Amino acid sequence: MAKASKQSRIKITQIGSPIGRRFDQRETLIGLGLNKMNRSRVLEDTPAVRGMVEKVSHLVKVEPAA
């Protein structure tokens, strides 16, 4: 079995509602695995995830995963 490379991870918590936001912002939250207030996900810190977080930065809180 191959060892998984240890990448940094980030914890993303939804703090804002997508109500009244553009459709693509709502879809980005769903793509991150968030769809309700105060839900959190721990994801790999990749450029793709960082780009998605940047797009909805006003709706999420980002912190390093423990």
PDB file of N, CA and C in Angstrom:
ATOM      1  N   MET A   1       0.847  -1.184   0.000  1.00  0.00           N
ATOM      2  CA  MET A   1       0.000   0.000   0.000  1.00  0.00           C
ATOM      3  C   MET A   1       0.889   1.243   0.000  1.00  0.00           C
ATOM      4  N   ALA A   2       0.594   2.180  -0.866  1.00  0.00           N
ATOM      5  CA  ALA A   2       1.391   3.400  -0.963  1.00  0.00           C
ATOM      6  C   ALA A   2       0.961   4.383   0.114  1.00  0.00           C
ATOM      7  N   LYS A   3       1.942   5.105   0.632  1.00  0.00           N
ATOM      8  CA  LYS A   3       1.626   6.116   1.637  1.00  0.00           C
ATOM      9  C   LYS A   3       1.042   7.356   0.967  1.00  0.00           C
ATOM     10  N   ALA A   4       0.052   7.910   1.588  1.00  0.00           N
ATOM     11  CA  ALA A   4      -0.540   9.148   1.072  1.00  0.00           C
ATOM     12  C   ALA A   4       0.386  10.311   1.424  1.00  0.00           C
ATOM     13  N   SER A   5       0.585  11.212   0.487  1.00  0.00           N
ATOM     14  CA  SER A   5       1.437  12.357   0.778  1.00  0.00           C
ATOM     15  C   SER A   5       0.720  13.269   1.771  1.00  0.00           C
ATOM     16  N   LYS A   6       1.480  13.778   2.711  1.00  0.00           N
ATOM     17  CA  LYS A   6       0.882  14.621   3.748  1.00  0.00           C
ATOM     18  C   LYS A   6       0.790  16.056   3.231  1.00  0.00           C
ATOM     19  N   GLN A   7      -0.409  16.482   2.910  1.00  0.00           N
ATOM     20  CA  GLN A   7      -0.632  17.849   2.461  1.00  0.00           C
ATOM     21  C   GLN A   7      -1.284  18.622   3.585  1.00  0.00           C
ATOM     22  N   SER A   8      -1.149  19.944   3.524  1.00  0.00           N
ATOM     23  CA  SER A   8      -1.815  20.754   4.526  1.00  0.00           C
ATOM     24  C   SER A   8      -3.319  20.754   4.260  1.00  0.00           C
ATOM     25  N   ARG A   9      -4.064  20.923   5.304  1.00  0.00           N
ATOM     26  CA  ARG A   9      -5.518  20.912   5.214  1.00  0.00           C
ATOM     27  C   ARG A   9      -6.052  22.183   5.841  1.00  0.00           C
ATOM     28  N   ILE A  10      -7.215  22.625   5.372  1.00  0.00           N
ATOM     29  CA  ILE A  10      -7.858  23.808   5.922  1.00  0.00           C
ATOM     30  C   ILE A  10      -9.284  23.461   6.324  1.00  0.00           C
ATOM     31  N   LYS A  11      -9.749  24.144   7.362  1.00  0.00           N
ATOM     32  CA  LYS A  11     -11.127  23.977   7.827  1.00  0.00           C
ATOM     33  C   LYS A  11     -11.916  25.183   7.340  1.00  0.00           C
ATOM     34  N   ILE A  12     -13.013  24.910   6.627  1.00  0.00           N
ATOM     35  CA  ILE A  12     -13.854  25.967   6.066  1.00  0.00           C
ATOM     36  C   ILE A  12     -15.216  25.895   6.736  1.00  0.00           C
ATOM     37  N   THR A  13     -15.667  26.999   7.313  1.00  0.00           N
ATOM     38  CA  THR A  13     -16.957  27.067   7.992  1.00  0.00           C
ATOM     39  C   THR A  13     -17.816  28.126   7.318  1.00  0.00           C
ATOM     40  N   GLN A  14     -19.046  27.774   6.993  1.00  0.00           N
ATOM     41  CA  GLN A  14     -19.960  28.730   6.372  1.00  0.00           C
ATOM     42  C   GLN A  14     -20.527  29.641   7.446  1.00  0.00           C
ATOM     43  N   ILE A  15     -20.336  30.962   7.276  1.00  0.00           N
ATOM     44  CA  ILE A  15     -20.832  31.927   8.257  1.00  0.00           C
ATOM     45  C   ILE A  15     -21.863  32.875   7.664  1.00  0.00           C
ATOM     46  N   GLY A  16     -22.080  32.800   6.348  1.00  0.00           N
ATOM     47  CA  GLY A  16     -23.044  33.682   5.688  1.00  0.00           C
ATOM     48  C   GLY A  16     -24.049  32.883   4.883  1.00  0.00           C
ATOM     49  N   SER A  17     -25.212  33.453   4.693  1.00  0.00           N
ATOM     50  CA  SER A  17     -26.270  32.785   3.946  1.00  0.00           C
ATOM     51  C   SER A  17     -26.143  33.083   2.452  1.00  0.00           C
ATOM     52  N   PRO A  18     -26.407  32.084   1.599  1.00  0.00           N
ATOM     53  CA  PRO A  18     -26.377  32.328   0.159  1.00  0.00           C
ATOM     54  C   PRO A  18     -27.664  32.957  -0.373  1.00  0.00           C
ATOM     55  N   ILE A  19     -28.636  33.207   0.505  1.00  0.00           N
ATOM     56  CA  ILE A  19     -29.891  33.812   0.058  1.00  0.00           C
ATOM     57  C   ILE A  19     -29.605  35.211  -0.489  1.00  0.00           C
ATOM     58  N   GLY A  20     -30.083  35.476  -1.683  1.00  0.00           N
ATOM     59  CA  GLY A  20     -29.886  36.776  -2.309  1.00  0.00           C
ATOM     60  C   GLY A  20     -28.542  36.923  -2.998  1.00  0.00           C
ATOM     61  N   ARG A  21     -27.733  35.874  -3.015  1.00  0.00           N
ATOM     62  CA  ARG A  21     -26.426  35.916  -3.688  1.00  0.00           C
ATOM     63  C   ARG A  21     -26.564  35.377  -5.108  1.00  0.00           C
ATOM     64  N   ARG A  22     -25.539  35.604  -5.904  1.00  0.00           N
ATOM     65  CA  ARG A  22     -25.549  35.099  -7.275  1.00  0.00           C
ATOM     66  C   ARG A  22     -25.563  33.575  -7.277  1.00  0.00           C
ATOM     67  N   PHE A  23     -26.112  32.987  -8.337  1.00  0.00           N
ATOM     68  CA  PHE A  23     -26.233  31.537  -8.469  1.00  0.00           C
ATOM     69  C   PHE A  23     -24.879  30.845  -8.381  1.00  0.00           C
ATOM     70  N   ASP A  24     -23.844  31.430  -8.996  1.00  0.00           N
ATOM     71  CA  ASP A  24     -22.533  30.782  -8.984  1.00  0.00           C
ATOM     72  C   ASP A  24     -21.927  30.735  -7.586  1.00  0.00           C
ATOM     73  N   GLN A  25     -22.243  31.695  -6.726  1.00  0.00           N
ATOM     74  CA  GLN A  25     -21.747  31.659  -5.357  1.00  0.00           C
ATOM     75  C   GLN A  25     -22.424  30.539  -4.573  1.00  0.00           C
ATOM     76  N   ARG A  26     -23.708  30.350  -4.786  1.00  0.00           N
ATOM     77  CA  ARG A  26     -24.426  29.252  -4.139  1.00  0.00           C
ATOM     78  C   ARG A  26     -23.850  27.912  -4.595  1.00  0.00           C
ATOM     79  N   GLU A  27     -23.596  27.779  -5.899  1.00  0.00           N
ATOM     80  CA  GLU A  27     -23.028  26.546  -6.443  1.00  0.00           C
ATOM     81  C   GLU A  27     -21.618  26.293  -5.909  1.00  0.00           C
ATOM     82  N   THR A  28     -20.848  27.351  -5.695  1.00  0.00           N
ATOM     83  CA  THR A  28     -19.502  27.207  -5.147  1.00  0.00           C
ATOM     84  C   THR A  28     -19.561  26.675  -3.718  1.00  0.00           C
ATOM     85  N   LEU A  29     -20.495  27.168  -2.920  1.00  0.00           N
ATOM     86  CA  LEU A  29     -20.664  26.644  -1.557  1.00  0.00           C
ATOM     87  C   LEU A  29     -20.998  25.161  -1.594  1.00  0.00           C
ATOM     88  N   ILE A  30     -21.882  24.765  -2.490  1.00  0.00           N
ATOM     89  CA  ILE A  30     -22.244  23.351  -2.616  1.00  0.00           C
ATOM     90  C   ILE A  30     -21.033  22.542  -3.044  1.00  0.00           C
ATOM     91  N   GLY A  31     -20.221  23.094  -3.945  1.00  0.00           N
ATOM     92  CA  GLY A  31     -19.011  22.421  -4.386  1.00  0.00           C
ATOM     93  C   GLY A  31     -18.011  22.219  -3.260  1.00  0.00           C
ATOM     94  N   LEU A  32     -18.010  23.133  -2.300  1.00  0.00           N
ATOM     95  CA  LEU A  32     -17.140  23.003  -1.130  1.00  0.00           C
ATOM     96  C   LEU A  32     -17.732  22.061  -0.082  1.00  0.00           C
ATOM     97  N   GLY A  33     -18.968  21.622  -0.294  1.00  0.00           N
ATOM     98  CA  GLY A  33     -19.611  20.730   0.659  1.00  0.00           C
ATOM     99  C   GLY A  33     -20.366  21.462   1.746  1.00  0.00           C
ATOM    100  N   LEU A  34     -20.652  22.730   1.513  1.00  0.00           N
ATOM    101  CA  LEU A  34     -21.386  23.539   2.489  1.00  0.00           C
ATOM    102  C   LEU A  34     -22.730  23.912   1.903  1.00  0.00           C
ATOM    103  N   ASN A  35     -23.779  23.860   2.709  1.00  0.00           N
ATOM    104  CA  ASN A  35     -25.076  24.312   2.222  1.00  0.00           C
ATOM    105  C   ASN A  35     -25.964  24.832   3.341  1.00  0.00           C
ATOM    106  N   LYS A  36     -25.487  24.807   4.558  1.00  0.00           N
ATOM    107  CA  LYS A  36     -26.252  25.353   5.682  1.00  0.00           C
ATOM    108  C   LYS A  36     -25.300  26.129   6.585  1.00  0.00           C
ATOM    109  N   MET A  37     -25.843  27.081   7.289  1.00  0.00           N
ATOM    110  CA  MET A  37     -25.052  27.927   8.169  1.00  0.00           C
ATOM    111  C   MET A  37     -24.329  27.092   9.230  1.00  0.00           C
ATOM    112  N   ASN A  38     -23.118  27.520   9.542  1.00  0.00           N
ATOM    113  CA  ASN A  38     -22.269  26.941  10.592  1.00  0.00           C
ATOM    114  C   ASN A  38     -21.816  25.508  10.316  1.00  0.00           C
ATOM    115  N   ARG A  39     -21.949  25.036   9.094  1.00  0.00           N
ATOM    116  CA  ARG A  39     -21.389  23.731   8.734  1.00  0.00           C
ATOM    117  C   ARG A  39     -19.921  23.904   8.400  1.00  0.00           C
ATOM    118  N   SER A  40     -19.122  22.901   8.732  1.00  0.00           N
ATOM    119  CA  SER A  40     -17.685  22.951   8.481  1.00  0.00           C
ATOM    120  C   SER A  40     -17.243  21.747   7.676  1.00  0.00           C
ATOM    121  N   ARG A  41     -16.172  21.939   6.912  1.00  0.00           N
ATOM    122  CA  ARG A  41     -15.547  20.860   6.157  1.00  0.00           C
ATOM    123  C   ARG A  41     -14.045  21.037   6.279  1.00  0.00           C
ATOM    124  N   VAL A  42     -13.342  19.932   6.334  1.00  0.00           N
ATOM    125  CA  VAL A  42     -11.884  19.959   6.294  1.00  0.00           C
ATOM    126  C   VAL A  42     -11.478  19.444   4.917  1.00  0.00           C
ATOM    127  N   LEU A  43     -10.774  20.293   4.159  1.00  0.00           N
ATOM    128  CA  LEU A  43     -10.412  19.974   2.785  1.00  0.00           C
ATOM    129  C   LEU A  43      -8.910  20.143   2.582  1.00  0.00           C
ATOM    130  N   GLU A  44      -8.396  19.487   1.545  1.00  0.00           N
ATOM    131  CA  GLU A  44      -6.993  19.657   1.175  1.00  0.00           C
ATOM    132  C   GLU A  44      -6.777  21.101   0.725  1.00  0.00           C
ATOM    133  N   ASP A  45      -5.622  21.656   1.069  1.00  0.00           N
ATOM    134  CA  ASP A  45      -5.295  23.024   0.686  1.00  0.00           C
ATOM    135  C   ASP A  45      -4.664  23.013  -0.707  1.00  0.00           C
ATOM    136  N   THR A  46      -5.518  23.025  -1.730  1.00  0.00           N
ATOM    137  CA  THR A  46      -5.058  23.011  -3.115  1.00  0.00           C
ATOM    138  C   THR A  46      -5.420  24.336  -3.779  1.00  0.00           C
ATOM    139  N   PRO A  47      -4.795  24.643  -4.901  1.00  0.00           N
ATOM    140  CA  PRO A  47      -5.148  25.884  -5.602  1.00  0.00           C
ATOM    141  C   PRO A  47      -6.622  25.939  -6.011  1.00  0.00           C
ATOM    142  N   ALA A  48      -7.204  24.801  -6.371  1.00  0.00           N
ATOM    143  CA  ALA A  48      -8.612  24.776  -6.767  1.00  0.00           C
ATOM    144  C   ALA A  48      -9.511  25.140  -5.587  1.00  0.00           C
ATOM    145  N   VAL A  49      -9.235  24.566  -4.433  1.00  0.00           N
ATOM    146  CA  VAL A  49     -10.036  24.863  -3.237  1.00  0.00           C
ATOM    147  C   VAL A  49      -9.830  26.319  -2.827  1.00  0.00           C
ATOM    148  N   ARG A  50      -8.590  26.796  -2.883  1.00  0.00           N
ATOM    149  CA  ARG A  50      -8.319  28.193  -2.531  1.00  0.00           C
ATOM    150  C   ARG A  50      -9.072  29.155  -3.448  1.00  0.00           C
ATOM    151  N   GLY A  51      -9.171  28.827  -4.734  1.00  0.00           N
ATOM    152  CA  GLY A  51      -9.915  29.667  -5.676  1.00  0.00           C
ATOM    153  C   GLY A  51     -11.389  29.707  -5.344  1.00  0.00           C
ATOM    154  N   MET A  52     -11.940  28.558  -4.966  1.00  0.00           N
ATOM    155  CA  MET A  52     -13.353  28.506  -4.585  1.00  0.00           C
ATOM    156  C   MET A  52     -13.595  29.312  -3.316  1.00  0.00           C
ATOM    157  N   VAL A  53     -12.680  29.193  -2.355  1.00  0.00           N
ATOM    158  CA  VAL A  53     -12.815  29.935  -1.096  1.00  0.00           C
ATOM    159  C   VAL A  53     -12.738  31.435  -1.363  1.00  0.00           C
ATOM    160  N   GLU A  54     -11.850  31.845  -2.248  1.00  0.00           N
ATOM    161  CA  GLU A  54     -11.718  33.264  -2.578  1.00  0.00           C
ATOM    162  C   GLU A  54     -13.011  33.815  -3.171  1.00  0.00           C
ATOM    163  N   LYS A  55     -13.694  33.003  -3.957  1.00  0.00           N
ATOM    164  CA  LYS A  55     -14.936  33.438  -4.609  1.00  0.00           C
ATOM    165  C   LYS A  55     -16.051  33.696  -3.600  1.00  0.00           C
ATOM    166  N   VAL A  56     -16.065  32.946  -2.502  1.00  0.00           N
ATOM    167  CA  VAL A  56     -17.117  33.108  -1.490  1.00  0.00           C
ATOM    168  C   VAL A  56     -16.517  33.504  -0.137  1.00  0.00           C
ATOM    169  N   SER A  57     -15.420  34.247  -0.176  1.00  0.00           N
ATOM    170  CA  SER A  57     -14.706  34.592   1.058  1.00  0.00           C
ATOM    171  C   SER A  57     -15.568  35.373   2.050  1.00  0.00           C
ATOM    172  N   HIS A  58     -16.568  36.085   1.550  1.00  0.00           N
ATOM    173  CA  HIS A  58     -17.459  36.853   2.417  1.00  0.00           C
ATOM    174  C   HIS A  58     -18.500  35.962   3.102  1.00  0.00           C
ATOM    175  N   LEU A  59     -18.589  34.693   2.692  1.00  0.00           N
ATOM    176  CA  LEU A  59     -19.567  33.777   3.269  1.00  0.00           C
ATOM    177  C   LEU A  59     -18.934  32.665   4.115  1.00  0.00           C
ATOM    178  N   VAL A  60     -17.605  32.591   4.128  1.00  0.00           N
ATOM    179  CA  VAL A  60     -16.938  31.508   4.844  1.00  0.00           C
ATOM    180  C   VAL A  60     -15.821  32.030   5.736  1.00  0.00           C
ATOM    181  N   LYS A  61     -15.451  31.212   6.715  1.00  0.00           N
ATOM    182  CA  LYS A  61     -14.312  31.466   7.591  1.00  0.00           C
ATOM    183  C   LYS A  61     -13.325  30.333   7.353  1.00  0.00           C
ATOM    184  N   VAL A  62     -12.047  30.671   7.171  1.00  0.00           N
ATOM    185  CA  VAL A  62     -11.014  29.678   6.886  1.00  0.00           C
ATOM    186  C   VAL A  62     -10.008  29.682   8.022  1.00  0.00           C
ATOM    187  N   GLU A  63      -9.651  28.466   8.474  1.00  0.00           N
ATOM    188  CA  GLU A  63      -8.636  28.322   9.516  1.00  0.00           C
ATOM    189  C   GLU A  63      -7.870  27.023   9.256  1.00  0.00           C
ATOM    190  N   PRO A  64      -6.664  26.923   9.788  1.00  0.00           N
ATOM    191  CA  PRO A  64      -5.916  25.673   9.600  1.00  0.00           C
ATOM    192  C   PRO A  64      -6.602  24.529  10.324  1.00  0.00           C
ATOM    193  N   ALA A  65      -6.594  23.356   9.714  1.00  0.00           N
ATOM    194  CA  ALA A  65      -7.226  22.185  10.339  1.00  0.00           C
ATOM    195  C   ALA A  65      -6.327  21.677  11.446  1.00  0.00           C
ATOM    196  N   ALA A  66      -6.946  21.189  12.491  1.00  0.00           N
ATOM    197  CA  ALA A  66      -6.184  20.668  13.633  1.00  0.00           C
ATOM    198  C   ALA A  66      -5.713  19.265  13.400  1.00  0.00           C
TER     199      ALA A  66
END
